[in-house]
Amino acid sequence: MTLFSQFIGFFAWYAGLAMGGIARVGQVQLLQIFFTMALSALFFGEHVSASTWLYAAAVIVTVVLGRKTAVRAAPAAVATPAAHPVTAARHAK
């Protein structure tokens, strides 16, 4: 049962990565541990220290800011004759 649900979860995760882009959706994975921490405190009464909550908040803010940042493709490099020493020497003759 566990193996099957994990297998289906991988399909959902990779489909989400494909739809939203790895750079943006991949950051959501950073939040998993904090949701686990919060739910364990809520449902199982686990003690979580104040410093842990502070670091969790810092990571969450970083993820939110990262998701709002525009992701642009790197510009394609344009080869010019002067950019390559052998080609520049040929054009100089």
N, C-alpha and C. Protein backbone atom coordinates (compact mmCIF):
# COMPACT_ATOMS: atom_id res chain seq x y z
N MET A 1 0.82 -1.19 0.00
CA MET A 1 0.00 0.00 0.00
C MET A 1 0.87 1.26 0.00
N THR A 2 1.87 1.30 0.86
CA THR A 2 2.74 2.47 0.94
C THR A 2 3.52 2.66 -0.35
N LEU A 3 4.05 1.60 -0.88
CA LEU A 3 4.83 1.68 -2.11
C LEU A 3 3.98 2.23 -3.26
N PHE A 4 2.74 1.79 -3.35
CA PHE A 4 1.87 2.26 -4.42
C PHE A 4 1.57 3.74 -4.28
N SER A 5 1.25 4.20 -3.06
CA SER A 5 0.91 5.62 -2.87
C SER A 5 2.14 6.51 -3.12
N GLN A 6 3.32 6.03 -2.73
CA GLN A 6 4.55 6.79 -2.99
C GLN A 6 4.81 6.86 -4.49
N PHE A 7 4.58 5.76 -5.18
CA PHE A 7 4.78 5.71 -6.63
C PHE A 7 3.86 6.71 -7.32
N ILE A 8 2.59 6.77 -6.92
CA ILE A 8 1.64 7.72 -7.50
C ILE A 8 2.05 9.16 -7.13
N GLY A 9 2.55 9.35 -5.92
CA GLY A 9 3.00 10.67 -5.49
C GLY A 9 4.14 11.21 -6.35
N PHE A 10 5.03 10.33 -6.78
CA PHE A 10 6.11 10.77 -7.66
C PHE A 10 5.57 11.31 -8.98
N PHE A 11 4.56 10.66 -9.52
CA PHE A 11 3.97 11.15 -10.77
C PHE A 11 3.37 12.54 -10.56
N ALA A 12 2.66 12.74 -9.45
CA ALA A 12 2.05 14.04 -9.17
C ALA A 12 3.13 15.11 -8.98
N TRP A 13 4.20 14.75 -8.24
CA TRP A 13 5.27 15.72 -7.98
C TRP A 13 5.97 16.13 -9.28
N TYR A 14 6.33 15.17 -10.11
CA TYR A 14 7.03 15.50 -11.35
C TYR A 14 6.12 16.20 -12.35
N ALA A 15 4.83 15.90 -12.33
CA ALA A 15 3.90 16.63 -13.19
C ALA A 15 3.82 18.10 -12.74
N GLY A 16 3.80 18.32 -11.43
CA GLY A 16 3.79 19.68 -10.90
C GLY A 16 5.06 20.44 -11.25
N LEU A 17 6.21 19.74 -11.19
CA LEU A 17 7.48 20.37 -11.59
C LEU A 17 7.44 20.76 -13.06
N ALA A 18 6.88 19.89 -13.88
CA ALA A 18 6.82 20.19 -15.32
C ALA A 18 5.89 21.36 -15.61
N MET A 19 4.79 21.46 -14.88
CA MET A 19 3.83 22.54 -15.12
C MET A 19 4.34 23.89 -14.62
N GLY A 20 4.96 23.92 -13.45
CA GLY A 20 5.33 25.19 -12.86
C GLY A 20 6.78 25.57 -13.02
N GLY A 21 7.60 24.65 -13.48
CA GLY A 21 9.02 24.92 -13.62
C GLY A 21 9.78 24.51 -12.37
N ILE A 22 10.91 23.88 -12.57
CA ILE A 22 11.69 23.33 -11.47
C ILE A 22 12.17 24.43 -10.52
N ALA A 23 12.57 25.55 -11.07
CA ALA A 23 13.13 26.63 -10.23
C ALA A 23 12.10 27.18 -9.25
N ARG A 24 10.84 27.20 -9.64
CA ARG A 24 9.81 27.77 -8.76
C ARG A 24 9.14 26.71 -7.91
N VAL A 25 8.76 25.61 -8.49
CA VAL A 25 8.02 24.59 -7.75
C VAL A 25 8.93 23.81 -6.82
N GLY A 26 10.18 23.64 -7.19
CA GLY A 26 11.12 22.88 -6.37
C GLY A 26 11.32 23.49 -4.99
N GLN A 27 11.11 24.80 -4.87
CA GLN A 27 11.27 25.46 -3.58
C GLN A 27 10.19 25.05 -2.58
N VAL A 28 9.04 24.62 -3.08
CA VAL A 28 7.96 24.19 -2.19
C VAL A 28 8.41 22.99 -1.36
N GLN A 29 9.30 22.19 -1.90
CA GLN A 29 9.80 21.02 -1.19
C GLN A 29 10.51 21.43 0.11
N LEU A 30 11.07 22.64 0.15
CA LEU A 30 11.73 23.13 1.36
C LEU A 30 10.75 23.30 2.51
N LEU A 31 9.47 23.44 2.21
CA LEU A 31 8.47 23.67 3.25
C LEU A 31 7.95 22.38 3.88
N GLN A 32 8.23 21.23 3.31
CA GLN A 32 7.68 19.98 3.81
C GLN A 32 8.03 19.72 5.27
N ILE A 33 9.25 19.94 5.67
CA ILE A 33 9.66 19.66 7.04
C ILE A 33 8.92 20.56 8.03
N PHE A 34 8.62 21.78 7.65
CA PHE A 34 7.95 22.70 8.55
C PHE A 34 6.46 22.37 8.69
N PHE A 35 5.86 21.90 7.62
CA PHE A 35 4.48 21.43 7.73
C PHE A 35 4.42 20.18 8.62
N THR A 36 5.40 19.31 8.47
CA THR A 36 5.47 18.12 9.32
C THR A 36 5.65 18.52 10.78
N MET A 37 6.52 19.48 11.03
CA MET A 37 6.76 19.95 12.39
C MET A 37 5.49 20.56 12.99
N ALA A 38 4.81 21.39 12.24
CA ALA A 38 3.60 22.04 12.74
C ALA A 38 2.49 21.02 12.99
N LEU A 39 2.32 20.08 12.08
CA LEU A 39 1.27 19.08 12.26
C LEU A 39 1.57 18.13 13.41
N SER A 40 2.84 17.81 13.63
CA SER A 40 3.18 16.94 14.76
C SER A 40 2.95 17.66 16.08
N ALA A 41 3.18 18.96 16.12
CA ALA A 41 2.90 19.73 17.34
C ALA A 41 1.39 19.82 17.58
N LEU A 42 0.65 20.00 16.50
CA LEU A 42 -0.80 20.15 16.61
C LEU A 42 -1.49 18.84 16.99
N PHE A 43 -1.15 17.77 16.28
CA PHE A 43 -1.87 16.51 16.48
C PHE A 43 -1.28 15.61 17.56
N PHE A 44 0.04 15.65 17.75
CA PHE A 44 0.69 14.71 18.66
C PHE A 44 1.29 15.38 19.88
N GLY A 45 1.15 16.69 20.01
CA GLY A 45 1.64 17.38 21.18
C GLY A 45 3.16 17.46 21.29
N GLU A 46 3.85 17.36 20.17
CA GLU A 46 5.31 17.46 20.19
C GLU A 46 5.73 18.87 20.60
N HIS A 47 6.79 18.97 21.38
CA HIS A 47 7.31 20.28 21.78
C HIS A 47 8.27 20.79 20.71
N VAL A 48 8.00 22.00 20.23
CA VAL A 48 8.87 22.64 19.24
C VAL A 48 9.33 23.96 19.85
N SER A 49 10.65 24.15 19.92
CA SER A 49 11.19 25.34 20.58
C SER A 49 10.94 26.61 19.76
N ALA A 50 11.04 27.74 20.43
CA ALA A 50 10.82 29.03 19.77
C ALA A 50 11.86 29.29 18.67
N SER A 51 13.10 28.88 18.90
CA SER A 51 14.13 29.10 17.87
C SER A 51 13.83 28.28 16.61
N THR A 52 13.25 27.11 16.78
CA THR A 52 12.88 26.29 15.62
C THR A 52 11.80 26.99 14.82
N TRP A 53 10.80 27.55 15.50
CA TRP A 53 9.75 28.29 14.80
C TRP A 53 10.32 29.52 14.10
N LEU A 54 11.30 30.18 14.73
CA LEU A 54 11.93 31.35 14.12
C LEU A 54 12.66 30.99 12.83
N TYR A 55 13.43 29.90 12.87
CA TYR A 55 14.12 29.46 11.65
C TYR A 55 13.13 28.98 10.60
N ALA A 56 12.06 28.35 11.03
CA ALA A 56 11.03 27.92 10.08
C ALA A 56 10.42 29.12 9.38
N ALA A 57 10.14 30.18 10.14
CA ALA A 57 9.58 31.39 9.55
C ALA A 57 10.56 32.02 8.56
N ALA A 58 11.84 32.01 8.88
CA ALA A 58 12.85 32.57 7.98
C ALA A 58 12.91 31.78 6.66
N VAL A 59 12.84 30.47 6.73
CA VAL A 59 12.86 29.65 5.51
C VAL A 59 11.59 29.88 4.70
N ILE A 60 10.46 29.97 5.37
CA ILE A 60 9.20 30.20 4.65
C ILE A 60 9.23 31.55 3.94
N VAL A 61 9.73 32.59 4.59
CA VAL A 61 9.83 33.90 3.95
C VAL A 61 10.77 33.83 2.74
N THR A 62 11.87 33.12 2.88
CA THR A 62 12.80 32.96 1.76
C THR A 62 12.15 32.25 0.59
N VAL A 63 11.38 31.20 0.86
CA VAL A 63 10.69 30.47 -0.21
C VAL A 63 9.66 31.37 -0.88
N VAL A 64 8.89 32.12 -0.10
CA VAL A 64 7.88 33.01 -0.68
C VAL A 64 8.54 34.06 -1.56
N LEU A 65 9.61 34.67 -1.08
CA LEU A 65 10.32 35.66 -1.90
C LEU A 65 10.91 35.03 -3.15
N GLY A 66 11.42 33.82 -3.04
CA GLY A 66 11.97 33.12 -4.20
C GLY A 66 10.92 32.79 -5.23
N ARG A 67 9.72 32.48 -4.78
CA ARG A 67 8.64 32.18 -5.73
C ARG A 67 8.17 33.43 -6.45
N LYS A 68 8.31 34.58 -5.84
CA LYS A 68 7.89 35.83 -6.48
C LYS A 68 8.94 36.37 -7.43
N THR A 69 10.15 35.87 -7.35
CA THR A 69 11.23 36.35 -8.20
C THR A 69 11.05 35.82 -9.62
N ALA A 70 11.23 36.69 -10.58
CA ALA A 70 11.10 36.28 -11.98
C ALA A 70 12.30 35.41 -12.37
N VAL A 71 12.01 34.33 -13.06
CA VAL A 71 13.06 33.44 -13.53
C VAL A 71 13.18 33.65 -15.03
N ARG A 72 14.36 34.08 -15.45
CA ARG A 72 14.59 34.35 -16.87
C ARG A 72 15.64 33.41 -17.41
N ALA A 73 15.50 33.07 -18.67
CA ALA A 73 16.50 32.23 -19.32
C ALA A 73 17.75 33.08 -19.58
N ALA A 74 18.89 32.45 -19.51
CA ALA A 74 20.15 33.15 -19.79
C ALA A 74 20.19 33.51 -21.27
N PRO A 75 20.69 34.70 -21.60
CA PRO A 75 20.77 35.08 -23.01
C PRO A 75 21.77 34.18 -23.74
N ALA A 76 21.43 33.90 -24.97
CA ALA A 76 22.30 33.06 -25.79
C ALA A 76 23.56 33.83 -26.15
N ALA A 77 24.69 33.18 -26.07
CA ALA A 77 25.97 33.81 -26.42
C ALA A 77 26.06 33.92 -27.94
N VAL A 78 26.45 35.09 -28.41
CA VAL A 78 26.60 35.31 -29.84
C VAL A 78 28.09 35.29 -30.15
N ALA A 79 28.48 34.38 -31.03
CA ALA A 79 29.89 34.26 -31.41
C ALA A 79 30.22 35.32 -32.45
N THR A 80 31.27 36.07 -32.19
CA THR A 80 31.75 37.07 -33.14
C THR A 80 33.17 36.69 -33.54
N PRO A 81 33.64 37.13 -34.69
CA PRO A 81 35.00 36.77 -35.10
C PRO A 81 36.05 37.21 -34.10
N ALA A 82 35.87 38.34 -33.45
CA ALA A 82 36.88 38.81 -32.50
C ALA A 82 36.86 38.04 -31.19
N ALA A 83 35.77 37.30 -30.95
CA ALA A 83 35.65 36.57 -29.68
C ALA A 83 36.56 35.36 -29.63
N HIS A 84 36.93 34.82 -30.77
CA HIS A 84 37.77 33.63 -30.81
C HIS A 84 39.13 34.02 -31.40
N PRO A 85 40.24 33.74 -30.70
CA PRO A 85 41.56 34.20 -31.17
C PRO A 85 41.95 33.67 -32.54
N VAL A 86 41.63 32.43 -32.85
CA VAL A 86 42.00 31.86 -34.15
C VAL A 86 41.21 32.54 -35.26
N THR A 87 39.91 32.74 -35.04
CA THR A 87 39.09 33.39 -36.04
C THR A 87 39.50 34.85 -36.21
N ALA A 88 39.82 35.52 -35.12
CA ALA A 88 40.25 36.93 -35.19
C ALA A 88 41.55 37.04 -35.99
N ALA A 89 42.46 36.09 -35.81
CA ALA A 89 43.73 36.12 -36.55
C ALA A 89 43.49 35.92 -38.03
N ARG A 90 42.51 35.07 -38.42
CA ARG A 90 42.22 34.83 -39.82
C ARG A 90 41.63 36.09 -40.46
N HIS A 91 40.75 36.80 -39.72
CA HIS A 91 40.13 37.99 -40.27
C HIS A 91 41.11 39.17 -40.33
N ALA A 92 42.17 39.12 -39.56
CA ALA A 92 43.14 40.21 -39.54
C ALA A 92 44.01 40.20 -40.78
N LYS A 93 44.13 39.06 -41.45
CA LYS A 93 44.99 38.95 -42.65
C LYS A 93 44.41 39.61 -43.84
